[in-house]
Amino acid sequence: MSALAVDGYEYAAPATVRTSEKRNLRAAPLTGTRPRTTPGLPPVPALRPPPTWDPVAFRMSGTTLRSAAERKAEAVSWTGNTGRGLNPPEEWGAAVARTAIECLLGFRPVQQLVRWLDEPVYEALVRRVGLSMREGTGKGPRCITRVRSKHVQRVDEHTSEVSVVLHDGERCRCAALRLERYHGRWLVTALEIG
């Protein structure tokens, strides 16, 4: 389909152009914008494909559950009460990131993460999963999400930041998590998936 520009607006070329109309028409590059409608000439639809929406991209950060003094007091009160130590933060962060990606892809219910995510992070993830389901981008062919690498940076003795690289069957993704000790377990207080 060729396009024509008249007075700066793009139009689809009519099936036949009369000689009297040709003097005002000139070829123009397509910009993908929708022009005004003029009688006799249908508008050119946007030719750029719409931007692809990534159903897995997610960001919820900047939340802090408690102050450093509260975290330290809570950790001291729970020391030894669980009967065993906490899981390594890199293993725990990788498992939570993998589960979050599978929730965003529609393979798991998001309720599986309610105990492990801080309330604002969980609410944002629930909204994002709902949006993915409404857009119809979830539930593609089932692939196993694999963890490629994981790294941990300890902020203090009660807080760790974990970065994880995963492959969801279609593309590699990265995830960053902030884990804080809370009642003898790790709690995700910030989560970003790209």
N, C-alpha and C. Protein backbone atom coordinates (compact mmCIF):
# COMPACT_ATOMS: atom_id res chain seq x y z
N MET A 1 0.85 -1.16 0.00
CA MET A 1 0.00 0.00 0.00
C MET A 1 0.90 1.22 0.00
N SER A 2 0.63 2.16 -0.87
CA SER A 2 1.41 3.39 -0.89
C SER A 2 0.61 4.47 -0.17
N ALA A 3 1.31 5.46 0.33
CA ALA A 3 0.65 6.54 1.06
C ALA A 3 0.93 7.84 0.36
N LEU A 4 0.03 8.76 0.50
CA LEU A 4 0.16 10.07 -0.08
C LEU A 4 -0.01 11.11 1.00
N ALA A 5 0.66 12.25 0.82
CA ALA A 5 0.53 13.32 1.79
C ALA A 5 -0.13 14.52 1.14
N VAL A 6 -1.12 15.06 1.80
CA VAL A 6 -1.79 16.27 1.34
C VAL A 6 -1.79 17.23 2.51
N ASP A 7 -1.20 18.40 2.31
CA ASP A 7 -1.13 19.41 3.35
C ASP A 7 -0.54 18.87 4.65
N GLY A 8 0.44 18.00 4.55
CA GLY A 8 1.12 17.49 5.74
C GLY A 8 0.46 16.29 6.38
N TYR A 9 -0.65 15.78 5.87
CA TYR A 9 -1.32 14.62 6.42
C TYR A 9 -1.20 13.45 5.47
N GLU A 10 -1.08 12.26 6.03
CA GLU A 10 -0.89 11.07 5.23
C GLU A 10 -2.22 10.39 4.96
N TYR A 11 -2.37 9.86 3.75
CA TYR A 11 -3.58 9.16 3.37
C TYR A 11 -3.21 7.97 2.52
N ALA A 12 -4.05 6.95 2.58
CA ALA A 12 -3.86 5.81 1.70
C ALA A 12 -4.19 6.25 0.28
N ALA A 13 -3.43 5.77 -0.66
CA ALA A 13 -3.68 6.16 -2.05
C ALA A 13 -5.00 5.56 -2.51
N PRO A 14 -5.87 6.35 -3.12
CA PRO A 14 -7.11 5.79 -3.64
C PRO A 14 -6.82 4.84 -4.79
N ALA A 15 -7.78 4.00 -5.10
CA ALA A 15 -7.59 3.02 -6.17
C ALA A 15 -7.26 3.72 -7.48
N THR A 16 -7.93 4.79 -7.79
CA THR A 16 -7.63 5.56 -8.99
C THR A 16 -7.52 7.02 -8.60
N VAL A 17 -6.52 7.69 -9.10
CA VAL A 17 -6.33 9.10 -8.83
C VAL A 17 -6.58 9.86 -10.12
N ARG A 18 -7.48 10.80 -10.07
CA ARG A 18 -7.77 11.60 -11.26
C ARG A 18 -6.63 12.57 -11.49
N THR A 19 -6.43 12.94 -12.72
CA THR A 19 -5.34 13.85 -13.10
C THR A 19 -5.47 15.18 -12.38
N SER A 20 -6.68 15.66 -12.17
CA SER A 20 -6.85 16.95 -11.51
C SER A 20 -6.40 16.90 -10.05
N GLU A 21 -6.42 15.72 -9.40
CA GLU A 21 -6.01 15.60 -8.00
C GLU A 21 -4.51 15.41 -7.87
N LYS A 22 -3.82 14.97 -8.92
CA LYS A 22 -2.41 14.63 -8.81
C LYS A 22 -1.54 15.83 -8.50
N ARG A 23 -1.91 17.02 -8.88
CA ARG A 23 -1.03 18.16 -8.65
C ARG A 23 -0.84 18.48 -7.17
N ASN A 24 -1.79 18.11 -6.28
CA ASN A 24 -1.68 18.39 -4.85
C ASN A 24 -1.09 17.22 -4.06
N LEU A 25 -0.81 16.11 -4.71
CA LEU A 25 -0.36 14.91 -4.00
C LEU A 25 1.12 14.69 -4.23
N ARG A 26 1.82 14.31 -3.14
CA ARG A 26 3.22 13.96 -3.25
C ARG A 26 3.50 12.80 -2.29
N ALA A 27 4.46 11.98 -2.64
CA ALA A 27 4.80 10.84 -1.78
C ALA A 27 5.49 11.36 -0.53
N ALA A 28 5.22 10.74 0.58
CA ALA A 28 5.81 11.15 1.85
C ALA A 28 6.16 9.91 2.66
N PRO A 29 7.17 10.01 3.51
CA PRO A 29 7.50 8.86 4.36
C PRO A 29 6.38 8.63 5.37
N LEU A 30 6.21 7.37 5.74
CA LEU A 30 5.17 7.02 6.71
C LEU A 30 5.68 7.28 8.11
N THR A 31 4.86 7.91 8.91
CA THR A 31 5.26 8.19 10.29
C THR A 31 4.50 7.34 11.27
N GLY A 32 3.43 6.71 10.86
CA GLY A 32 2.67 5.87 11.76
C GLY A 32 1.64 6.64 12.57
N THR A 33 1.45 7.93 12.29
CA THR A 33 0.45 8.69 13.02
C THR A 33 -0.87 8.64 12.28
N ARG A 34 -1.96 8.78 12.98
CA ARG A 34 -3.28 8.75 12.38
C ARG A 34 -3.69 10.18 12.02
N PRO A 35 -3.88 10.46 10.72
CA PRO A 35 -4.20 11.81 10.29
C PRO A 35 -5.69 12.12 10.43
N ARG A 36 -6.03 13.39 10.15
CA ARG A 36 -7.45 13.78 10.10
C ARG A 36 -8.10 13.09 8.91
N THR A 37 -9.39 12.94 8.98
CA THR A 37 -10.12 12.33 7.87
C THR A 37 -10.55 13.41 6.89
N THR A 38 -10.34 13.15 5.63
CA THR A 38 -10.77 14.05 4.57
C THR A 38 -11.73 13.27 3.68
N PRO A 39 -12.83 13.86 3.29
CA PRO A 39 -13.76 13.13 2.43
C PRO A 39 -13.06 12.66 1.16
N GLY A 40 -13.31 11.42 0.81
CA GLY A 40 -12.75 10.87 -0.42
C GLY A 40 -11.44 10.12 -0.23
N LEU A 41 -10.72 10.41 0.85
CA LEU A 41 -9.44 9.74 1.08
C LEU A 41 -9.46 9.10 2.46
N PRO A 42 -9.39 7.77 2.52
CA PRO A 42 -9.37 7.12 3.84
C PRO A 42 -8.03 7.35 4.53
N PRO A 43 -8.02 7.47 5.87
CA PRO A 43 -6.75 7.69 6.57
C PRO A 43 -5.89 6.43 6.58
N VAL A 44 -4.60 6.64 6.68
CA VAL A 44 -3.65 5.54 6.76
C VAL A 44 -3.63 5.07 8.21
N PRO A 45 -3.84 3.79 8.44
CA PRO A 45 -3.73 3.31 9.82
C PRO A 45 -2.27 3.37 10.27
N ALA A 46 -2.06 3.40 11.56
CA ALA A 46 -0.70 3.43 12.09
C ALA A 46 0.05 2.20 11.59
N LEU A 47 1.20 2.42 10.97
CA LEU A 47 1.95 1.32 10.37
C LEU A 47 3.02 0.77 11.30
N ARG A 48 3.38 1.50 12.32
CA ARG A 48 4.32 0.97 13.30
C ARG A 48 3.60 -0.08 14.13
N PRO A 49 4.25 -1.18 14.37
CA PRO A 49 3.59 -2.14 15.25
C PRO A 49 3.49 -1.55 16.65
N PRO A 50 2.46 -1.88 17.36
CA PRO A 50 2.35 -1.35 18.72
C PRO A 50 3.52 -1.85 19.56
N PRO A 51 3.94 -1.09 20.55
CA PRO A 51 5.05 -1.55 21.38
C PRO A 51 4.67 -2.86 22.05
N THR A 52 5.61 -3.79 22.07
CA THR A 52 5.33 -5.07 22.70
C THR A 52 5.31 -4.89 24.20
N TRP A 53 4.32 -5.46 24.82
CA TRP A 53 4.14 -5.35 26.26
C TRP A 53 4.73 -6.58 26.91
N ASP A 54 5.64 -6.38 27.82
CA ASP A 54 6.29 -7.48 28.50
C ASP A 54 5.48 -7.83 29.75
N PRO A 55 4.83 -8.99 29.78
CA PRO A 55 4.01 -9.33 30.94
C PRO A 55 4.81 -9.62 32.19
N VAL A 56 6.09 -9.84 32.06
CA VAL A 56 6.89 -10.23 33.21
C VAL A 56 7.60 -9.04 33.86
N ALA A 57 7.82 -7.97 33.13
CA ALA A 57 8.52 -6.82 33.72
C ALA A 57 7.73 -6.30 34.91
N PHE A 58 8.39 -6.16 36.03
CA PHE A 58 7.72 -5.79 37.28
C PHE A 58 8.70 -5.00 38.12
N ARG A 59 8.20 -3.97 38.80
CA ARG A 59 9.06 -3.20 39.68
C ARG A 59 8.27 -2.71 40.88
N MET A 60 8.72 -3.08 42.03
CA MET A 60 8.15 -2.57 43.27
C MET A 60 9.30 -2.49 44.26
N SER A 61 9.80 -1.29 44.43
CA SER A 61 10.93 -1.12 45.32
C SER A 61 10.73 0.14 46.14
N GLY A 62 11.63 0.37 47.03
CA GLY A 62 11.57 1.57 47.85
C GLY A 62 10.75 1.39 49.11
N THR A 63 10.25 0.20 49.35
CA THR A 63 9.49 -0.02 50.57
C THR A 63 10.44 -0.48 51.66
N THR A 64 10.22 0.01 52.83
CA THR A 64 10.99 -0.46 53.97
C THR A 64 10.00 -0.94 55.02
N LEU A 65 10.22 -2.11 55.48
CA LEU A 65 9.30 -2.70 56.44
C LEU A 65 9.48 -2.08 57.82
N ARG A 66 10.72 -2.01 58.29
CA ARG A 66 10.99 -1.52 59.63
C ARG A 66 12.31 -0.78 59.63
N SER A 67 12.54 -0.03 60.66
CA SER A 67 13.83 0.65 60.79
C SER A 67 14.90 -0.38 61.16
N ALA A 68 16.15 0.04 61.04
CA ALA A 68 17.27 -0.87 61.34
C ALA A 68 17.22 -1.32 62.81
N ALA A 69 16.87 -0.42 63.71
CA ALA A 69 16.80 -0.79 65.13
C ALA A 69 15.70 -1.82 65.36
N GLU A 70 14.56 -1.65 64.71
CA GLU A 70 13.48 -2.62 64.87
C GLU A 70 13.87 -3.98 64.30
N ARG A 71 14.56 -3.98 63.14
CA ARG A 71 14.99 -5.25 62.55
C ARG A 71 15.96 -5.98 63.47
N LYS A 72 16.88 -5.21 64.07
CA LYS A 72 17.87 -5.83 64.95
C LYS A 72 17.20 -6.40 66.19
N ALA A 73 16.28 -5.65 66.78
CA ALA A 73 15.58 -6.13 67.97
C ALA A 73 14.76 -7.38 67.65
N GLU A 74 14.10 -7.38 66.50
CA GLU A 74 13.29 -8.53 66.11
C GLU A 74 14.17 -9.74 65.87
N ALA A 75 15.33 -9.55 65.23
CA ALA A 75 16.23 -10.67 64.95
C ALA A 75 16.77 -11.27 66.24
N VAL A 76 17.10 -10.43 67.21
CA VAL A 76 17.60 -10.92 68.49
C VAL A 76 16.52 -11.73 69.20
N SER A 77 15.27 -11.26 69.15
CA SER A 77 14.19 -11.97 69.84
C SER A 77 13.90 -13.33 69.20
N TRP A 78 14.20 -13.50 67.92
CA TRP A 78 13.92 -14.75 67.24
C TRP A 78 15.13 -15.67 67.15
N THR A 79 16.29 -15.25 67.60
CA THR A 79 17.49 -16.08 67.49
C THR A 79 17.31 -17.35 68.31
N GLY A 80 17.48 -18.46 67.66
CA GLY A 80 17.41 -19.74 68.36
C GLY A 80 16.00 -20.28 68.52
N ASN A 81 14.97 -19.52 68.23
CA ASN A 81 13.61 -19.99 68.43
C ASN A 81 13.12 -20.88 67.29
N THR A 82 13.75 -20.85 66.15
CA THR A 82 13.27 -21.63 65.01
C THR A 82 13.82 -23.05 65.02
N GLY A 83 14.83 -23.31 65.77
CA GLY A 83 15.40 -24.65 65.80
C GLY A 83 16.39 -24.88 64.67
N ARG A 84 16.43 -24.01 63.69
CA ARG A 84 17.39 -24.13 62.60
C ARG A 84 17.64 -22.73 62.04
N GLY A 85 18.72 -22.60 61.31
CA GLY A 85 19.06 -21.30 60.75
C GLY A 85 18.21 -20.98 59.52
N LEU A 86 18.34 -19.77 59.05
CA LEU A 86 17.64 -19.36 57.84
C LEU A 86 18.29 -20.01 56.62
N ASN A 87 17.50 -20.20 55.58
CA ASN A 87 18.06 -20.67 54.31
C ASN A 87 19.02 -19.62 53.78
N PRO A 88 20.01 -20.00 52.98
CA PRO A 88 20.90 -18.99 52.39
C PRO A 88 20.07 -18.00 51.56
N PRO A 89 20.36 -16.71 51.68
CA PRO A 89 19.52 -15.73 50.98
C PRO A 89 19.55 -15.88 49.46
N GLU A 90 20.69 -16.32 48.88
CA GLU A 90 20.73 -16.46 47.42
C GLU A 90 19.81 -17.60 46.95
N GLU A 91 19.74 -18.68 47.71
CA GLU A 91 18.84 -19.79 47.35
C GLU A 91 17.39 -19.35 47.50
N TRP A 92 17.10 -18.68 48.59
CA TRP A 92 15.73 -18.25 48.85
C TRP A 92 15.29 -17.19 47.83
N GLY A 93 16.16 -16.24 47.55
CA GLY A 93 15.84 -15.21 46.58
C GLY A 93 15.62 -15.78 45.19
N ALA A 94 16.42 -16.76 44.79
CA ALA A 94 16.25 -17.39 43.48
C ALA A 94 14.92 -18.12 43.40
N ALA A 95 14.54 -18.79 44.48
CA ALA A 95 13.26 -19.51 44.47
C ALA A 95 12.08 -18.54 44.39
N VAL A 96 12.15 -17.44 45.12
CA VAL A 96 11.06 -16.46 45.09
C VAL A 96 10.99 -15.79 43.72
N ALA A 97 12.13 -15.45 43.13
CA ALA A 97 12.14 -14.81 41.81
C ALA A 97 11.56 -15.75 40.75
N ARG A 98 11.94 -17.02 40.80
CA ARG A 98 11.41 -17.99 39.85
C ARG A 98 9.90 -18.14 40.00
N THR A 99 9.44 -18.21 41.23
CA THR A 99 8.00 -18.33 41.48
C THR A 99 7.25 -17.08 41.01
N ALA A 100 7.82 -15.89 41.23
CA ALA A 100 7.17 -14.64 40.81
C ALA A 100 7.06 -14.59 39.29
N ILE A 101 8.09 -15.01 38.57
CA ILE A 101 8.04 -15.02 37.11
C ILE A 101 6.98 -16.01 36.63
N GLU A 102 6.91 -17.16 37.25
CA GLU A 102 5.89 -18.14 36.85
C GLU A 102 4.49 -17.62 37.16
N CYS A 103 4.32 -16.84 38.22
CA CYS A 103 3.03 -16.21 38.51
C CYS A 103 2.68 -15.20 37.43
N LEU A 104 3.65 -14.37 37.04
CA LEU A 104 3.41 -13.36 36.01
C LEU A 104 3.10 -13.99 34.66
N LEU A 105 3.65 -15.16 34.39
CA LEU A 105 3.37 -15.86 33.14
C LEU A 105 2.07 -16.65 33.20
N GLY A 106 1.47 -16.76 34.38
CA GLY A 106 0.18 -17.43 34.52
C GLY A 106 0.27 -18.91 34.83
N PHE A 107 1.44 -19.41 35.22
CA PHE A 107 1.60 -20.83 35.49
C PHE A 107 1.38 -21.19 36.95
N ARG A 108 1.41 -20.21 37.85
CA ARG A 108 1.21 -20.44 39.27
C ARG A 108 0.25 -19.40 39.82
N PRO A 109 -0.47 -19.75 40.87
CA PRO A 109 -1.29 -18.73 41.53
C PRO A 109 -0.40 -17.82 42.38
N VAL A 110 -0.69 -16.54 42.34
CA VAL A 110 0.14 -15.58 43.06
C VAL A 110 0.01 -15.74 44.58
N GLN A 111 -1.03 -16.40 45.03
CA GLN A 111 -1.21 -16.61 46.48
C GLN A 111 -0.10 -17.44 47.09
N GLN A 112 0.65 -18.15 46.27
CA GLN A 112 1.77 -18.94 46.81
C GLN A 112 2.86 -18.04 47.41
N LEU A 113 2.86 -16.76 47.06
CA LEU A 113 3.91 -15.86 47.54
C LEU A 113 3.46 -14.96 48.69
N VAL A 114 2.23 -15.09 49.15
CA VAL A 114 1.71 -14.14 50.14
C VAL A 114 2.54 -14.13 51.42
N ARG A 115 3.04 -15.26 51.85
CA ARG A 115 3.81 -15.33 53.10
C ARG A 115 5.22 -14.76 52.94
N TRP A 116 5.75 -14.73 51.73
CA TRP A 116 7.15 -14.40 51.53
C TRP A 116 7.39 -12.99 51.01
N LEU A 117 6.33 -12.26 50.67
CA LEU A 117 6.47 -10.89 50.16
C LEU A 117 5.88 -9.91 51.15
N ASP A 118 6.53 -8.76 51.28
CA ASP A 118 5.99 -7.66 52.07
C ASP A 118 4.65 -7.24 51.46
N GLU A 119 3.75 -6.71 52.26
CA GLU A 119 2.39 -6.42 51.79
C GLU A 119 2.33 -5.50 50.57
N PRO A 120 3.05 -4.36 50.53
CA PRO A 120 2.98 -3.53 49.31
C PRO A 120 3.52 -4.25 48.06
N VAL A 121 4.54 -5.05 48.21
CA VAL A 121 5.11 -5.79 47.08
C VAL A 121 4.09 -6.83 46.60
N TYR A 122 3.48 -7.53 47.54
CA TYR A 122 2.49 -8.54 47.17
C TYR A 122 1.29 -7.91 46.46
N GLU A 123 0.79 -6.79 46.97
CA GLU A 123 -0.36 -6.14 46.34
C GLU A 123 -0.03 -5.67 44.92
N ALA A 124 1.17 -5.13 44.73
CA ALA A 124 1.58 -4.70 43.39
C ALA A 124 1.70 -5.90 42.46
N LEU A 125 2.22 -7.01 42.95
CA LEU A 125 2.36 -8.21 42.13
C LEU A 125 0.97 -8.76 41.76
N VAL A 126 0.04 -8.74 42.69
CA VAL A 126 -1.32 -9.22 42.40
C VAL A 126 -1.95 -8.36 41.30
N ARG A 127 -1.77 -7.03 41.38
CA ARG A 127 -2.31 -6.15 40.34
C ARG A 127 -1.67 -6.46 38.98
N ARG A 128 -0.37 -6.67 38.97
CA ARG A 128 0.33 -6.92 37.72
C ARG A 128 -0.07 -8.27 37.12
N VAL A 129 -0.25 -9.29 37.95
CA VAL A 129 -0.69 -10.60 37.45
C VAL A 129 -2.10 -10.47 36.88
N GLY A 130 -2.97 -9.73 37.55
CA GLY A 130 -4.32 -9.51 37.04
C GLY A 130 -4.30 -8.82 35.69
N LEU A 131 -3.43 -7.84 35.53
CA LEU A 131 -3.29 -7.14 34.26
C LEU A 131 -2.81 -8.09 33.17
N SER A 132 -1.85 -8.93 33.50
CA SER A 132 -1.34 -9.91 32.52
C SER A 132 -2.45 -10.85 32.07
N MET A 133 -3.28 -11.27 33.00
CA MET A 133 -4.36 -12.19 32.64
C MET A 133 -5.43 -11.48 31.79
N ARG A 134 -5.73 -10.23 32.12
CA ARG A 134 -6.72 -9.48 31.33
C ARG A 134 -6.21 -9.21 29.92
N GLU A 135 -4.92 -8.97 29.78
CA GLU A 135 -4.33 -8.72 28.47
C GLU A 135 -4.17 -10.01 27.66
N GLY A 136 -4.33 -11.13 28.33
CA GLY A 136 -4.24 -12.41 27.63
C GLY A 136 -2.83 -12.82 27.30
N THR A 137 -1.86 -12.32 28.04
CA THR A 137 -0.47 -12.64 27.72
C THR A 137 0.05 -13.83 28.52
N GLY A 138 -0.70 -14.31 29.48
CA GLY A 138 -0.25 -15.43 30.28
C GLY A 138 -0.63 -16.76 29.65
N LYS A 139 -0.21 -17.83 30.27
CA LYS A 139 -0.56 -19.19 29.89
C LYS A 139 -0.15 -19.55 28.47
N GLY A 140 1.10 -19.23 28.12
CA GLY A 140 1.64 -19.69 26.85
C GLY A 140 2.05 -21.14 27.01
N PRO A 141 2.88 -21.64 26.10
CA PRO A 141 3.36 -23.01 26.28
C PRO A 141 4.17 -23.12 27.56
N ARG A 142 3.92 -24.13 28.32
CA ARG A 142 4.56 -24.30 29.62
C ARG A 142 6.03 -24.63 29.44
N CYS A 143 6.88 -23.83 30.03
CA CYS A 143 8.32 -24.07 30.05
C CYS A 143 8.80 -23.97 31.49
N ILE A 144 9.83 -24.68 31.78
CA ILE A 144 10.40 -24.62 33.12
C ILE A 144 11.27 -23.38 33.20
N THR A 145 11.05 -22.56 34.22
CA THR A 145 11.90 -21.40 34.46
C THR A 145 13.15 -21.88 35.19
N ARG A 146 14.29 -21.63 34.57
CA ARG A 146 15.55 -22.11 35.14
C ARG A 146 16.39 -20.95 35.65
N VAL A 147 17.01 -21.17 36.78
CA VAL A 147 17.92 -20.18 37.35
C VAL A 147 19.29 -20.38 36.72
N ARG A 148 19.81 -19.30 36.11
CA ARG A 148 21.13 -19.37 35.47
C ARG A 148 22.24 -18.99 36.44
N SER A 149 22.03 -17.92 37.21
CA SER A 149 23.03 -17.53 38.20
C SER A 149 22.37 -16.72 39.29
N LYS A 150 23.03 -16.65 40.43
CA LYS A 150 22.51 -15.88 41.56
C LYS A 150 23.69 -15.33 42.35
N HIS A 151 23.51 -14.11 42.81
CA HIS A 151 24.57 -13.44 43.59
C HIS A 151 23.92 -12.73 44.76
N VAL A 152 24.63 -12.68 45.87
CA VAL A 152 24.09 -12.04 47.06
C VAL A 152 25.05 -10.96 47.55
N GLN A 153 24.49 -9.88 48.03
CA GLN A 153 25.27 -8.81 48.67
C GLN A 153 24.61 -8.56 50.03
N ARG A 154 25.37 -8.79 51.07
CA ARG A 154 24.82 -8.58 52.41
C ARG A 154 24.92 -7.10 52.77
N VAL A 155 23.79 -6.50 53.08
CA VAL A 155 23.74 -5.09 53.48
C VAL A 155 24.14 -4.99 54.95
N ASP A 156 23.54 -5.81 55.78
CA ASP A 156 23.92 -5.95 57.17
C ASP A 156 23.57 -7.37 57.58
N GLU A 157 23.67 -7.69 58.84
CA GLU A 157 23.43 -9.07 59.24
C GLU A 157 21.97 -9.49 59.12
N HIS A 158 21.05 -8.54 58.92
CA HIS A 158 19.63 -8.87 58.83
C HIS A 158 19.04 -8.58 57.45
N THR A 159 19.84 -8.04 56.53
CA THR A 159 19.35 -7.65 55.21
C THR A 159 20.31 -8.12 54.14
N SER A 160 19.77 -8.66 53.07
CA SER A 160 20.58 -9.08 51.92
C SER A 160 19.89 -8.63 50.65
N GLU A 161 20.70 -8.35 49.64
CA GLU A 161 20.18 -8.04 48.31
C GLU A 161 20.67 -9.12 47.37
N VAL A 162 19.75 -9.67 46.61
CA VAL A 162 20.05 -10.82 45.75
C VAL A 162 19.74 -10.44 44.31
N SER A 163 20.65 -10.80 43.41
CA SER A 163 20.37 -10.65 41.97
C SER A 163 20.37 -12.05 41.36
N VAL A 164 19.39 -12.27 40.49
CA VAL A 164 19.19 -13.60 39.90
C VAL A 164 19.01 -13.44 38.40
N VAL A 165 19.64 -14.31 37.63
CA VAL A 165 19.42 -14.38 36.18
C VAL A 165 18.69 -15.68 35.92
N LEU A 166 17.55 -15.57 35.22
CA LEU A 166 16.69 -16.73 34.96
C LEU A 166 16.38 -16.81 33.46
N HIS A 167 16.00 -17.99 33.01
CA HIS A 167 15.51 -18.17 31.65
C HIS A 167 14.13 -18.76 31.75
N ASP A 168 13.13 -18.06 31.15
CA ASP A 168 11.74 -18.49 31.28
C ASP A 168 11.26 -19.32 30.10
N GLY A 169 12.16 -19.83 29.30
CA GLY A 169 11.78 -20.62 28.14
C GLY A 169 11.73 -19.80 26.86
N GLU A 170 11.58 -18.49 27.00
CA GLU A 170 11.54 -17.61 25.85
C GLU A 170 12.73 -16.65 25.83
N ARG A 171 13.07 -16.11 26.99
CA ARG A 171 14.17 -15.17 27.06
C ARG A 171 14.78 -15.16 28.45
N CYS A 172 15.99 -14.65 28.54
CA CYS A 172 16.65 -14.51 29.84
C CYS A 172 16.13 -13.26 30.52
N ARG A 173 15.97 -13.34 31.80
CA ARG A 173 15.47 -12.22 32.59
C ARG A 173 16.35 -12.07 33.83
N CYS A 174 16.33 -10.86 34.36
CA CYS A 174 17.06 -10.63 35.60
C CYS A 174 16.06 -10.21 36.67
N ALA A 175 16.39 -10.50 37.89
CA ALA A 175 15.54 -10.13 39.02
C ALA A 175 16.45 -9.64 40.14
N ALA A 176 15.98 -8.63 40.84
CA ALA A 176 16.69 -8.11 42.00
C ALA A 176 15.72 -8.11 43.17
N LEU A 177 16.16 -8.62 44.31
CA LEU A 177 15.32 -8.72 45.49
C LEU A 177 16.06 -8.17 46.70
N ARG A 178 15.32 -7.56 47.58
CA ARG A 178 15.86 -7.16 48.89
C ARG A 178 15.17 -8.03 49.92
N LEU A 179 15.97 -8.80 50.65
CA LEU A 179 15.44 -9.71 51.66
C LEU A 179 15.78 -9.19 53.04
N GLU A 180 14.79 -9.21 53.93
CA GLU A 180 15.00 -8.82 55.32
C GLU A 180 14.52 -9.95 56.22
N ARG A 181 15.23 -10.12 57.33
CA ARG A 181 14.79 -11.11 58.31
C ARG A 181 13.51 -10.62 58.97
N TYR A 182 12.55 -11.52 59.09
CA TYR A 182 11.29 -11.15 59.72
C TYR A 182 10.72 -12.40 60.38
N HIS A 183 10.66 -12.40 61.70
CA HIS A 183 10.11 -13.52 62.47
C HIS A 183 10.75 -14.85 62.08
N GLY A 184 12.05 -14.86 61.98
CA GLY A 184 12.77 -16.10 61.72
C GLY A 184 12.73 -16.58 60.29
N ARG A 185 12.38 -15.72 59.33
CA ARG A 185 12.35 -16.10 57.93
C ARG A 185 12.74 -14.90 57.09
N TRP A 186 13.00 -15.13 55.80
CA TRP A 186 13.28 -14.05 54.88
C TRP A 186 11.97 -13.48 54.34
N LEU A 187 11.92 -12.16 54.22
CA LEU A 187 10.76 -11.47 53.66
C LEU A 187 11.26 -10.54 52.56
N VAL A 188 10.64 -10.61 51.39
CA VAL A 188 11.03 -9.77 50.24
C VAL A 188 10.38 -8.40 50.42
N THR A 189 11.19 -7.36 50.57
CA THR A 189 10.66 -6.00 50.74
C THR A 189 10.82 -5.16 49.47
N ALA A 190 11.55 -5.64 48.48
CA ALA A 190 11.66 -4.96 47.18
C ALA A 190 11.91 -6.04 46.13
N LEU A 191 11.24 -5.88 44.97
CA LEU A 191 11.35 -6.86 43.90
C LEU A 191 11.30 -6.14 42.57
N GLU A 192 12.29 -6.41 41.73
CA GLU A 192 12.32 -5.88 40.36
C GLU A 192 12.65 -7.02 39.42
N ILE A 193 11.86 -7.13 38.34
CA ILE A 193 12.08 -8.16 37.34
C ILE A 193 12.13 -7.48 35.99
N GLY A 194 13.16 -7.74 35.21
CA GLY A 194 13.28 -7.12 33.89
C GLY A 194 13.44 -8.14 32.81
